[in-house]
Structure formats: structure tokens, C-alpha cells
PDB file of all heavy atoms in Angstrom:
ATOM      1  N   ILE A   1       1.190 -12.541  -8.658  1.00  0.00           N
ATOM      2  CA  ILE A   1       0.847 -11.131  -8.871  1.00  0.00           C
ATOM      3  C   ILE A   1       0.461 -10.947 -10.329  1.00  0.00           C
ATOM      4  O   ILE A   1       1.199 -11.354 -11.235  1.00  0.00           O
ATOM      5  CB  ILE A   1       2.032 -10.208  -8.518  1.00  0.00           C
ATOM      6  CG1 ILE A   1       2.394 -10.343  -7.036  1.00  0.00           C
ATOM      7  CG2 ILE A   1       1.712  -8.755  -8.869  1.00  0.00           C
ATOM      8  CD1 ILE A   1       3.702  -9.643  -6.663  1.00  0.00           C
ATOM      9  N   PHE A   2      -0.686 -10.310 -10.544  1.00  0.00           N
ATOM     10  CA  PHE A   2      -1.148 -10.004 -11.896  1.00  0.00           C
ATOM     11  C   PHE A   2      -1.323  -8.494 -12.027  1.00  0.00           C
ATOM     12  O   PHE A   2      -1.967  -7.864 -11.194  1.00  0.00           O
ATOM     13  CB  PHE A   2      -2.479 -10.698 -12.189  1.00  0.00           C
ATOM     14  CG  PHE A   2      -2.966 -10.478 -13.591  1.00  0.00           C
ATOM     15  CD1 PHE A   2      -2.666 -11.394 -14.584  1.00  0.00           C
ATOM     16  CD2 PHE A   2      -3.712  -9.370 -13.925  1.00  0.00           C
ATOM     17  CE1 PHE A   2      -3.101 -11.196 -15.890  1.00  0.00           C
ATOM     18  CE2 PHE A   2      -4.145  -9.153 -15.224  1.00  0.00           C
ATOM     19  CZ  PHE A   2      -3.843 -10.070 -16.214  1.00  0.00           C
ATOM     20  N   ILE A   3      -0.766  -7.927 -13.112  1.00  0.00           N
ATOM     21  CA  ILE A   3      -0.875  -6.492 -13.383  1.00  0.00           C
ATOM     22  C   ILE A   3      -1.729  -6.311 -14.624  1.00  0.00           C
ATOM     23  O   ILE A   3      -1.398  -6.826 -15.693  1.00  0.00           O
ATOM     24  CB  ILE A   3       0.512  -5.846 -13.588  1.00  0.00           C
ATOM     25  CG1 ILE A   3       1.450  -6.215 -12.434  1.00  0.00           C
ATOM     26  CG2 ILE A   3       0.373  -4.328 -13.696  1.00  0.00           C
ATOM     27  CD1 ILE A   3       2.897  -5.766 -12.657  1.00  0.00           C
ATOM     28  N   GLY A   4      -2.820  -5.588 -14.475  1.00  0.00           N
ATOM     29  CA  GLY A   4      -3.800  -5.466 -15.542  1.00  0.00           C
ATOM     30  C   GLY A   4      -3.405  -4.492 -16.638  1.00  0.00           C
ATOM     31  O   GLY A   4      -2.269  -4.026 -16.724  1.00  0.00           O
ATOM     32  N   GLY A   5      -4.373  -4.191 -17.486  1.00  0.00           N
ATOM     33  CA  GLY A   5      -4.139  -3.316 -18.623  1.00  0.00           C
ATOM     34  C   GLY A   5      -4.998  -2.070 -18.561  1.00  0.00           C
ATOM     35  O   GLY A   5      -5.978  -1.989 -17.811  1.00  0.00           O
ATOM     36  N   GLY A   6      -4.643  -1.108 -19.377  1.00  0.00           N
ATOM     37  CA  GLY A   6      -5.322   0.184 -19.411  1.00  0.00           C
ATOM     38  C   GLY A   6      -4.336   1.242 -19.846  1.00  0.00           C
ATOM     39  O   GLY A   6      -3.501   1.004 -20.721  1.00  0.00           O
ATOM     40  N   TYR A   7      -4.390   2.399 -19.214  1.00  0.00           N
ATOM     41  CA  TYR A   7      -3.475   3.491 -19.554  1.00  0.00           C
ATOM     42  C   TYR A   7      -2.105   3.214 -18.949  1.00  0.00           C
ATOM     43  O   TYR A   7      -1.934   3.208 -17.731  1.00  0.00           O
ATOM     44  CB  TYR A   7      -4.023   4.824 -19.054  1.00  0.00           C
ATOM     45  CG  TYR A   7      -5.144   5.356 -19.917  1.00  0.00           C
ATOM     46  CD1 TYR A   7      -6.471   5.199 -19.541  1.00  0.00           C
ATOM     47  CD2 TYR A   7      -4.876   6.001 -21.127  1.00  0.00           C
ATOM     48  CE1 TYR A   7      -7.507   5.675 -20.336  1.00  0.00           C
ATOM     49  CE2 TYR A   7      -5.905   6.468 -21.929  1.00  0.00           C
ATOM     50  CZ  TYR A   7      -7.212   6.301 -21.531  1.00  0.00           C
ATOM     51  OH  TYR A   7      -8.230   6.759 -22.333  1.00  0.00           O
ATOM     52  N   THR A   8      -1.133   3.026 -19.817  1.00  0.00           N
ATOM     53  CA  THR A   8       0.206   2.671 -19.346  1.00  0.00           C
ATOM     54  C   THR A   8       0.809   3.701 -18.404  1.00  0.00           C
ATOM     55  O   THR A   8       1.426   3.321 -17.403  1.00  0.00           O
ATOM     56  CB  THR A   8       1.140   2.425 -20.550  1.00  0.00           C
ATOM     57  OG1 THR A   8       0.514   1.508 -21.442  1.00  0.00           O
ATOM     58  CG2 THR A   8       2.470   1.843 -20.099  1.00  0.00           C
ATOM     59  N   PRO A   9       0.666   5.022 -18.660  1.00  0.00           N
ATOM     60  CA  PRO A   9       1.234   5.987 -17.707  1.00  0.00           C
ATOM     61  C   PRO A   9       0.672   5.848 -16.296  1.00  0.00           C
ATOM     62  O   PRO A   9       1.400   6.042 -15.314  1.00  0.00           O
ATOM     63  CB  PRO A   9       0.869   7.347 -18.320  1.00  0.00           C
ATOM     64  CG  PRO A   9       0.710   7.079 -19.780  1.00  0.00           C
ATOM     65  CD  PRO A   9       0.116   5.704 -19.854  1.00  0.00           C
ATOM     66  N   VAL A  10      -0.600   5.501 -16.180  1.00  0.00           N
ATOM     67  CA  VAL A  10      -1.212   5.322 -14.853  1.00  0.00           C
ATOM     68  C   VAL A  10      -0.635   4.090 -14.174  1.00  0.00           C
ATOM     69  O   VAL A  10      -0.258   4.122 -12.994  1.00  0.00           O
ATOM     70  CB  VAL A  10      -2.740   5.203 -14.976  1.00  0.00           C
ATOM     71  CG1 VAL A  10      -3.363   4.802 -13.629  1.00  0.00           C
ATOM     72  CG2 VAL A  10      -3.340   6.521 -15.460  1.00  0.00           C
ATOM     73  N   TYR A  11      -0.540   2.988 -14.909  1.00  0.00           N
ATOM     74  CA  TYR A  11       0.041   1.777 -14.333  1.00  0.00           C
ATOM     75  C   TYR A  11       1.493   1.998 -13.934  1.00  0.00           C
ATOM     76  O   TYR A  11       1.945   1.509 -12.892  1.00  0.00           O
ATOM     77  CB  TYR A  11      -0.065   0.607 -15.313  1.00  0.00           C
ATOM     78  CG  TYR A  11      -1.392  -0.086 -15.250  1.00  0.00           C
ATOM     79  CD1 TYR A  11      -2.475   0.376 -15.990  1.00  0.00           C
ATOM     80  CD2 TYR A  11      -1.584  -1.194 -14.435  1.00  0.00           C
ATOM     81  CE1 TYR A  11      -3.707  -0.255 -15.931  1.00  0.00           C
ATOM     82  CE2 TYR A  11      -2.811  -1.831 -14.366  1.00  0.00           C
ATOM     83  CZ  TYR A  11      -3.870  -1.350 -15.115  1.00  0.00           C
ATOM     84  OH  TYR A  11      -5.091  -1.975 -15.032  1.00  0.00           O
ATOM     85  N   HIS A  12       2.226   2.735 -14.758  1.00  0.00           N
ATOM     86  CA  HIS A  12       3.626   3.017 -14.426  1.00  0.00           C
ATOM     87  C   HIS A  12       3.720   3.828 -13.140  1.00  0.00           C
ATOM     88  O   HIS A  12       4.542   3.538 -12.262  1.00  0.00           O
ATOM     89  CB  HIS A  12       4.293   3.764 -15.582  1.00  0.00           C
ATOM     90  CG  HIS A  12       5.753   3.980 -15.385  1.00  0.00           C
ATOM     91  ND1 HIS A  12       6.252   5.146 -14.840  1.00  0.00           N
ATOM     92  CD2 HIS A  12       6.828   3.176 -15.616  1.00  0.00           C
ATOM     93  CE1 HIS A  12       7.566   5.052 -14.767  1.00  0.00           C
ATOM     94  NE2 HIS A  12       7.945   3.877 -15.224  1.00  0.00           N
ATOM     95  N   ARG A  13       2.886   4.841 -13.003  1.00  0.00           N
ATOM     96  CA  ARG A  13       2.908   5.670 -11.790  1.00  0.00           C
ATOM     97  C   ARG A  13       2.532   4.865 -10.550  1.00  0.00           C
ATOM     98  O   ARG A  13       3.173   4.999  -9.492  1.00  0.00           O
ATOM     99  CB  ARG A  13       1.940   6.847 -11.956  1.00  0.00           C
ATOM    100  CG  ARG A  13       1.764   7.688 -10.690  1.00  0.00           C
ATOM    101  CD  ARG A  13       0.831   8.855 -10.918  1.00  0.00           C
ATOM    102  NE  ARG A  13      -0.510   8.444 -11.288  1.00  0.00           N
ATOM    103  CZ  ARG A  13      -1.464   8.107 -10.412  1.00  0.00           C
ATOM    104  NH1 ARG A  13      -1.197   8.089  -9.100  1.00  0.00           N
ATOM    105  NH2 ARG A  13      -2.673   7.763 -10.830  1.00  0.00           N
ATOM    106  N   LEU A  14       1.525   4.027 -10.671  1.00  0.00           N
ATOM    107  CA  LEU A  14       1.022   3.304  -9.506  1.00  0.00           C
ATOM    108  C   LEU A  14       1.917   2.137  -9.094  1.00  0.00           C
ATOM    109  O   LEU A  14       2.134   1.904  -7.896  1.00  0.00           O
ATOM    110  CB  LEU A  14      -0.384   2.769  -9.789  1.00  0.00           C
ATOM    111  CG  LEU A  14      -1.507   3.785  -9.948  1.00  0.00           C
ATOM    112  CD1 LEU A  14      -2.785   3.074 -10.376  1.00  0.00           C
ATOM    113  CD2 LEU A  14      -1.747   4.555  -8.653  1.00  0.00           C
ATOM    114  N   TYR A  15       2.427   1.389 -10.087  1.00  0.00           N
ATOM    115  CA  TYR A  15       2.981   0.076  -9.779  1.00  0.00           C
ATOM    116  C   TYR A  15       4.437  -0.138 -10.187  1.00  0.00           C
ATOM    117  O   TYR A  15       5.017  -1.167  -9.826  1.00  0.00           O
ATOM    118  CB  TYR A  15       2.118  -1.004 -10.431  1.00  0.00           C
ATOM    119  CG  TYR A  15       0.675  -0.949 -10.004  1.00  0.00           C
ATOM    120  CD1 TYR A  15      -0.356  -0.812 -10.936  1.00  0.00           C
ATOM    121  CD2 TYR A  15       0.329  -1.027  -8.659  1.00  0.00           C
ATOM    122  CE1 TYR A  15      -1.686  -0.765 -10.536  1.00  0.00           C
ATOM    123  CE2 TYR A  15      -0.997  -0.981  -8.245  1.00  0.00           C
ATOM    124  CZ  TYR A  15      -2.005  -0.845  -9.185  1.00  0.00           C
ATOM    125  OH  TYR A  15      -3.317  -0.791  -8.791  1.00  0.00           O
ATOM    126  N   ALA A  16       5.037   0.801 -10.908  1.00  0.00           N
ATOM    127  CA  ALA A  16       6.416   0.576 -11.367  1.00  0.00           C
ATOM    128  C   ALA A  16       7.415   1.492 -10.692  1.00  0.00           C
ATOM    129  O   ALA A  16       8.568   1.575 -11.119  1.00  0.00           O
ATOM    130  CB  ALA A  16       6.502   0.741 -12.889  1.00  0.00           C
ATOM    131  N   SER A  17       7.007   2.175  -9.649  1.00  0.00           N
ATOM    132  CA  SER A  17       7.914   3.095  -8.961  1.00  0.00           C
ATOM    133  C   SER A  17       7.625   3.076  -7.461  1.00  0.00           C
ATOM    134  O   SER A  17       6.624   2.522  -7.011  1.00  0.00           O
ATOM    135  CB  SER A  17       7.755   4.519  -9.508  1.00  0.00           C
ATOM    136  OG  SER A  17       6.427   4.976  -9.298  1.00  0.00           O
ATOM    137  N   GLY A  18       8.502   3.681  -6.703  1.00  0.00           N
ATOM    138  CA  GLY A  18       8.309   3.817  -5.264  1.00  0.00           C
ATOM    139  C   GLY A  18       8.265   2.484  -4.543  1.00  0.00           C
ATOM    140  O   GLY A  18       8.762   1.456  -5.021  1.00  0.00           O
ATOM    141  N   ALA A  19       7.636   2.503  -3.370  1.00  0.00           N
ATOM    142  CA  ALA A  19       7.621   1.326  -2.508  1.00  0.00           C
ATOM    143  C   ALA A  19       6.875   0.155  -3.135  1.00  0.00           C
ATOM    144  O   ALA A  19       7.257  -1.011  -2.950  1.00  0.00           O
ATOM    145  CB  ALA A  19       6.997   1.684  -1.158  1.00  0.00           C
ATOM    146  N   VAL A  20       5.819   0.449  -3.882  1.00  0.00           N
ATOM    147  CA  VAL A  20       5.047  -0.635  -4.501  1.00  0.00           C
ATOM    148  C   VAL A  20       5.873  -1.333  -5.584  1.00  0.00           C
ATOM    149  O   VAL A  20       5.925  -2.562  -5.654  1.00  0.00           O
ATOM    150  CB  VAL A  20       3.718  -0.100  -5.072  1.00  0.00           C
ATOM    151  CG1 VAL A  20       3.006  -1.183  -5.875  1.00  0.00           C
ATOM    152  CG2 VAL A  20       2.818   0.391  -3.941  1.00  0.00           C
ATOM    153  N   GLY A  21       6.521  -0.543  -6.437  1.00  0.00           N
ATOM    154  CA  GLY A  21       7.382  -1.131  -7.453  1.00  0.00           C
ATOM    155  C   GLY A  21       8.494  -1.968  -6.843  1.00  0.00           C
ATOM    156  O   GLY A  21       8.807  -3.068  -7.330  1.00  0.00           O
ATOM    157  N   GLU A  22       9.092  -1.458  -5.772  1.00  0.00           N
ATOM    158  CA  GLU A  22      10.162  -2.204  -5.103  1.00  0.00           C
ATOM    159  C   GLU A  22       9.640  -3.517  -4.515  1.00  0.00           C
ATOM    160  O   GLU A  22      10.325  -4.546  -4.568  1.00  0.00           O
ATOM    161  CB  GLU A  22      10.779  -1.340  -4.009  1.00  0.00           C
ATOM    162  CG  GLU A  22      11.590  -0.165  -4.542  1.00  0.00           C
ATOM    163  CD  GLU A  22      12.114   0.720  -3.432  1.00  0.00           C
ATOM    164  OE1 GLU A  22      11.903   0.365  -2.241  1.00  0.00           O
ATOM    165  OE2 GLU A  22      12.736   1.760  -3.744  1.00  0.00           O
ATOM    166  N   MET A  23       8.424  -3.495  -3.985  1.00  0.00           N
ATOM    167  CA  MET A  23       7.862  -4.724  -3.407  1.00  0.00           C
ATOM    168  C   MET A  23       7.590  -5.756  -4.488  1.00  0.00           C
ATOM    169  O   MET A  23       7.843  -6.959  -4.295  1.00  0.00           O
ATOM    170  CB  MET A  23       6.580  -4.410  -2.637  1.00  0.00           C
ATOM    171  CG  MET A  23       5.920  -5.630  -2.005  1.00  0.00           C
ATOM    172  SD  MET A  23       7.005  -6.524  -0.853  1.00  0.00           S
ATOM    173  CE  MET A  23       7.089  -5.314   0.483  1.00  0.00           C
ATOM    174  N   ILE A  24       7.066  -5.327  -5.628  1.00  0.00           N
ATOM    175  CA  ILE A  24       6.841  -6.265  -6.734  1.00  0.00           C
ATOM    176  C   ILE A  24       8.171  -6.882  -7.160  1.00  0.00           C
ATOM    177  O   ILE A  24       8.267  -8.098  -7.382  1.00  0.00           O
ATOM    178  CB  ILE A  24       6.153  -5.562  -7.913  1.00  0.00           C
ATOM    179  CG1 ILE A  24       4.728  -5.139  -7.517  1.00  0.00           C
ATOM    180  CG2 ILE A  24       6.112  -6.478  -9.143  1.00  0.00           C
ATOM    181  CD1 ILE A  24       4.030  -4.271  -8.547  1.00  0.00           C
ATOM    182  N   GLN A  25       9.209  -6.069  -7.255  1.00  0.00           N
ATOM    183  CA  GLN A  25      10.536  -6.582  -7.617  1.00  0.00           C
ATOM    184  C   GLN A  25      11.040  -7.583  -6.592  1.00  0.00           C
ATOM    185  O   GLN A  25      11.601  -8.630  -6.952  1.00  0.00           O
ATOM    186  CB  GLN A  25      11.516  -5.421  -7.752  1.00  0.00           C
ATOM    187  CG  GLN A  25      11.244  -4.518  -8.944  1.00  0.00           C
ATOM    188  CD  GLN A  25      12.065  -3.249  -8.904  1.00  0.00           C
ATOM    189  OE1 GLN A  25      12.385  -2.723  -7.830  1.00  0.00           O
ATOM    190  NE2 GLN A  25      12.414  -2.734 -10.071  1.00  0.00           N
ATOM    191  N   GLN A  26      10.845  -7.294  -5.312  1.00  0.00           N
ATOM    192  CA  GLN A  26      11.295  -8.200  -4.261  1.00  0.00           C
ATOM    193  C   GLN A  26      10.525  -9.525  -4.306  1.00  0.00           C
ATOM    194  O   GLN A  26      11.125 -10.604  -4.147  1.00  0.00           O
ATOM    195  CB  GLN A  26      11.119  -7.535  -2.899  1.00  0.00           C
ATOM    196  CG  GLN A  26      12.083  -6.386  -2.651  1.00  0.00           C
ATOM    197  CD  GLN A  26      11.757  -5.621  -1.373  1.00  0.00           C
ATOM    198  OE1 GLN A  26      11.034  -6.124  -0.512  1.00  0.00           O
ATOM    199  NE2 GLN A  26      12.275  -4.410  -1.255  1.00  0.00           N
TER     200      GLN A  26
END
């Protein structure tokens, strides 16, 4: 899994919370 760069608040909202964030952690 690769997470790109850009606006950190957008990446945090999309990929560091909720079901998607949990899946990355798993």
C-alpha cells in the first residue's frame, strides 16, 4: 500500500479514519 502526498487534511479525511483507515491498519 502506498499513500501519496498533497494536502494533509484531505489525506487524513480520506485514508486515516473510518473503514478505510481501519482496513489499512489491518
